[in-house]
């Protein structure tokens, strides 16, 4: 028997919206980096639009994880955002399953769109690289103001503004369906480099001296 059900969210899941919103807020406070808050109404909107993936514990039907997609720039770009796994359900490969479902949903709804995301999480970077994402500069992401306004609830938004939306603590990652023969990015070979880069960014942008980035994992 499956331990988790990972599927497209719908109207029957609306009662989970507050719990999911609270999880985003808790994660943002704990990590202090890279998580924009999302209101219950926003979560419900994504569910009703058929743009959200939800994970439920099969036996109890407790919400275990969530992710959503949203298109920008006249549907030329689609963001996979808000990947979160509730603490008690982590370290079971659930984030990868949710991300894969969101990725497939993006390709189905927007087959020609470039799929992208922002993250400070090394674990998410690993998952993205396995799917086929590449790290890119912020200039290669959508320039749609609506997307960047979504970052306003992140505690590091002032950093993004001060860098004219060209840099922040997050790493931009992109999957381009138009590049059929793009070389797969080998995250494992670069993990230590990116861990050091994130630490340096935090030190430079926030004046925090972190000895490790162990909190920069799944939201």
Protein backbone atom coordinates (compact mmCIF):
# COMPACT_ATOMS: atom_id res chain seq x y z
CA UNK A 1 0.00 0.00 0.00
CA UNK A 2 1.24 3.46 -0.89
CA UNK A 3 2.21 5.65 2.06
CA UNK A 4 1.48 8.88 0.19
CA UNK A 5 -0.92 10.10 -2.46
CA UNK A 6 0.60 12.75 -4.74
CA UNK A 7 -1.92 14.28 -7.12
CA UNK A 8 -3.41 17.39 -8.68
CA UNK A 9 -5.13 19.46 -5.99
CA UNK A 10 -8.80 20.41 -6.41
CA UNK A 11 -11.76 21.91 -4.55
CA UNK A 12 -11.83 18.99 -2.11
CA UNK A 13 -8.47 20.15 -0.77
CA UNK A 14 -9.43 23.74 0.06
CA UNK A 15 -9.60 22.99 3.78
CA UNK A 16 -5.83 22.35 3.75
CA UNK A 17 -5.06 25.90 2.56
CA UNK A 18 -4.58 27.46 6.01
CA UNK A 19 -2.30 24.65 7.14
CA UNK A 20 -0.19 24.97 3.99
CA UNK A 21 0.02 28.75 4.37
CA UNK A 22 1.12 28.34 8.00
CA UNK A 23 3.80 25.88 6.90
CA UNK A 24 5.26 28.45 4.50
CA UNK A 25 5.40 31.01 7.29
CA UNK A 26 7.04 28.62 9.75
CA UNK A 27 9.65 27.62 7.19
CA UNK A 28 10.41 31.24 6.38
CA UNK A 29 10.99 32.04 10.06
CA UNK A 30 13.13 28.97 10.63
CA UNK A 31 15.36 29.36 7.61
CA UNK A 32 15.34 33.14 7.35
CA UNK A 33 16.02 32.91 3.62
CA UNK A 34 14.33 32.33 0.33
CA UNK A 35 10.70 31.58 1.18
CA UNK A 36 7.92 33.93 0.17
CA UNK A 37 4.78 33.74 2.27
CA UNK A 38 1.56 32.63 0.60
CA UNK A 39 -1.88 33.42 2.01
CA UNK A 40 -4.60 30.77 2.35
CA UNK A 41 -6.57 32.57 -0.38
CA UNK A 42 -3.60 32.37 -2.74
CA UNK A 43 -3.19 28.65 -2.04
CA UNK A 44 -6.90 28.10 -2.70
CA UNK A 45 -6.68 30.05 -5.94
CA UNK A 46 -3.92 27.77 -7.24
CA UNK A 47 -5.90 24.68 -6.24
CA UNK A 48 -9.06 25.82 -8.01
CA UNK A 49 -7.10 26.78 -11.13
CA UNK A 50 -5.70 23.27 -11.44
CA UNK A 51 -2.18 24.54 -10.88
CA UNK A 52 -1.23 22.85 -7.61
CA UNK A 53 0.14 19.48 -6.55
CA UNK A 54 -0.70 18.16 -3.10
CA UNK A 55 0.69 15.19 -1.18
CA UNK A 56 -1.41 13.44 1.44
CA UNK A 57 -0.54 10.68 3.85
CA UNK A 58 -2.59 7.78 2.48
CA UNK A 59 -3.69 6.37 5.84
CA UNK A 60 -4.61 9.58 7.68
CA UNK A 61 -5.21 12.00 4.78
CA UNK A 62 -3.01 14.55 6.55
CA UNK A 63 -1.40 17.04 4.22
CA UNK A 64 2.25 16.13 3.72
CA UNK A 65 3.48 18.46 1.00
CA UNK A 66 2.54 21.00 -1.63
CA UNK A 67 3.77 22.79 -4.75
CA UNK A 68 2.17 25.01 -7.40
CA UNK A 69 2.84 26.35 -10.88
CA UNK A 70 2.13 29.71 -12.47
CA UNK A 71 2.72 31.15 -15.95
CA UNK A 72 4.33 34.50 -16.74
CA UNK A 73 5.35 36.60 -19.74
CA UNK A 74 2.38 35.61 -21.89
CA UNK A 75 2.89 31.94 -21.00
CA UNK A 76 6.47 31.90 -22.26
CA UNK A 77 7.64 31.01 -18.77
CA UNK A 78 6.14 28.85 -16.04
CA UNK A 79 7.37 28.80 -12.48
CA UNK A 80 7.36 25.73 -10.25
CA UNK A 81 7.15 27.37 -6.84
CA UNK A 82 6.42 26.82 -3.18
CA UNK A 83 7.72 23.28 -2.87
CA UNK A 84 7.26 22.33 0.76
CA UNK A 85 7.23 19.08 2.72
CA UNK A 86 5.93 19.10 6.28
CA UNK A 87 8.68 18.26 8.79
CA UNK A 88 7.22 14.98 10.02
CA UNK A 89 7.15 13.62 6.45
CA UNK A 90 10.65 14.56 5.33
CA UNK A 91 13.51 12.24 4.32
CA UNK A 92 11.15 9.89 2.47
CA UNK A 93 11.70 11.08 -1.10
CA UNK A 94 8.41 12.97 -1.08
CA UNK A 95 9.80 16.29 -2.33
CA UNK A 96 11.12 14.60 -5.47
CA UNK A 97 7.72 13.03 -6.20
CA UNK A 98 5.89 16.33 -5.73
CA UNK A 99 8.39 18.17 -7.91
CA UNK A 100 8.13 15.56 -10.66
CA UNK A 101 4.33 15.90 -10.69
CA UNK A 102 4.57 19.70 -10.85
CA UNK A 103 7.11 19.45 -13.67
CA UNK A 104 4.84 17.12 -15.67
CA UNK A 105 1.88 19.43 -15.03
CA UNK A 106 3.89 22.38 -16.33
CA UNK A 107 4.82 20.55 -19.53
CA UNK A 108 1.22 19.44 -20.08
CA UNK A 109 -0.36 22.87 -19.58
CA UNK A 110 2.45 24.91 -21.14
CA UNK A 111 4.39 22.61 -23.53
CA UNK A 112 6.45 25.39 -25.12
CA UNK A 113 7.20 27.36 -21.96
CA UNK A 114 10.54 27.57 -20.18
CA UNK A 115 10.15 26.12 -16.69
CA UNK A 116 12.00 27.88 -13.89
CA UNK A 117 12.31 28.39 -10.18
CA UNK A 118 14.26 30.20 -7.48
CA UNK A 119 15.66 28.40 -4.47
CA UNK A 120 18.18 28.58 -1.64
CA UNK A 121 17.72 24.86 -0.97
CA UNK A 122 20.55 22.53 -1.95
CA UNK A 123 18.10 19.63 -1.84
CA UNK A 124 15.77 21.35 -4.32
CA UNK A 125 18.73 22.16 -6.55
CA UNK A 126 19.58 18.45 -6.58
CA UNK A 127 16.01 17.51 -7.50
CA UNK A 128 15.90 20.18 -10.23
CA UNK A 129 19.18 19.03 -11.73
CA UNK A 130 17.90 15.44 -11.91
CA UNK A 131 14.87 16.64 -13.88
CA UNK A 132 16.95 18.67 -16.32
CA UNK A 133 17.14 22.20 -14.93
CA UNK A 134 20.29 24.28 -15.34
CA UNK A 135 21.47 27.11 -13.03
CA UNK A 136 21.10 30.45 -14.82
CA UNK A 137 21.42 34.17 -14.18
CA UNK A 138 18.32 36.09 -13.15
CA UNK A 139 18.41 37.83 -16.55
CA UNK A 140 17.50 34.51 -18.18
CA UNK A 141 14.34 34.19 -16.10
CA UNK A 142 11.03 35.92 -16.79
CA UNK A 143 11.13 39.70 -16.45
CA UNK A 144 7.40 39.83 -15.76
CA UNK A 145 6.88 42.22 -12.85
CA UNK A 146 4.04 40.07 -11.50
CA UNK A 147 6.46 37.23 -10.76
CA UNK A 148 8.99 39.43 -8.98
CA UNK A 149 6.28 41.13 -6.93
CA UNK A 150 5.61 37.69 -5.47
CA UNK A 151 9.01 37.94 -3.79
CA UNK A 152 7.92 40.94 -1.72
CA UNK A 153 6.84 38.77 1.20
CA UNK A 154 10.30 37.19 1.38
CA UNK A 155 12.50 38.60 4.17
CA UNK A 156 15.28 39.15 1.62
CA UNK A 157 13.28 41.21 -0.86
CA UNK A 158 15.31 44.33 -0.04
CA UNK A 159 18.42 42.49 -1.26
CA UNK A 160 16.72 41.64 -4.56
CA UNK A 161 15.70 45.28 -4.99
CA UNK A 162 19.15 46.60 -4.18
CA UNK A 163 20.61 44.30 -6.85
CA UNK A 164 18.09 45.46 -9.47
CA UNK A 165 16.62 41.95 -9.63
CA UNK A 166 19.90 40.55 -10.93
CA UNK A 167 20.99 38.71 -7.79
CA UNK A 168 19.83 37.55 -4.37
CA UNK A 169 20.36 34.65 -1.98
CA UNK A 170 18.36 32.38 -4.30
CA UNK A 171 19.79 30.50 -7.27
CA UNK A 172 17.81 30.72 -10.51
CA UNK A 173 17.24 27.43 -12.32
CA UNK A 174 15.72 26.87 -15.76
CA UNK A 175 14.52 24.03 -17.99
CA UNK A 176 14.35 25.03 -21.65
CA UNK A 177 12.24 22.60 -23.76
CA UNK A 178 13.64 24.16 -26.93
CA UNK A 179 17.13 22.87 -26.17
CA UNK A 180 16.81 19.20 -27.03
CA UNK A 181 20.45 18.28 -26.51
CA UNK A 182 21.35 20.38 -23.50
CA UNK A 183 24.02 18.84 -21.32
CA UNK A 184 22.74 17.63 -17.95
CA UNK A 185 24.05 19.66 -15.04
CA UNK A 186 25.80 17.37 -12.57
CA UNK A 187 24.80 18.80 -9.23
CA UNK A 188 26.76 16.30 -7.12
CA UNK A 189 30.00 17.53 -8.67
CA UNK A 190 29.11 21.16 -7.87
CA UNK A 191 27.33 20.77 -4.51
CA UNK A 192 30.26 21.91 -2.37
CA UNK A 193 30.84 24.91 -4.60
CA UNK A 194 27.20 26.00 -4.35
CA UNK A 195 27.14 25.40 -0.60
CA UNK A 196 30.09 27.75 -0.26
CA UNK A 197 28.51 30.25 -2.65
CA UNK A 198 25.28 30.35 -0.62
CA UNK A 199 27.25 30.84 2.58
CA UNK A 200 29.19 33.71 1.01
CA UNK A 201 25.97 35.32 -0.25
CA UNK A 202 24.41 35.16 3.20
CA UNK A 203 27.52 36.67 4.76
CA UNK A 204 27.78 39.43 2.15
CA UNK A 205 24.09 40.34 1.89
CA UNK A 206 22.83 39.82 5.44
CA UNK A 207 26.02 40.13 7.53
CA UNK A 208 25.29 36.71 9.03
CA UNK A 209 28.26 34.41 9.50
CA UNK A 210 26.90 30.89 9.04
CA UNK A 211 29.25 27.98 9.63
CA UNK A 212 26.94 25.67 7.70
CA UNK A 213 23.90 25.84 5.46
CA UNK A 214 22.14 22.86 6.96
CA UNK A 215 18.88 24.79 7.26
CA UNK A 216 18.82 25.47 3.53
CA UNK A 217 16.95 22.33 2.59
CA UNK A 218 13.37 21.43 1.81
CA UNK A 219 10.96 24.17 2.89
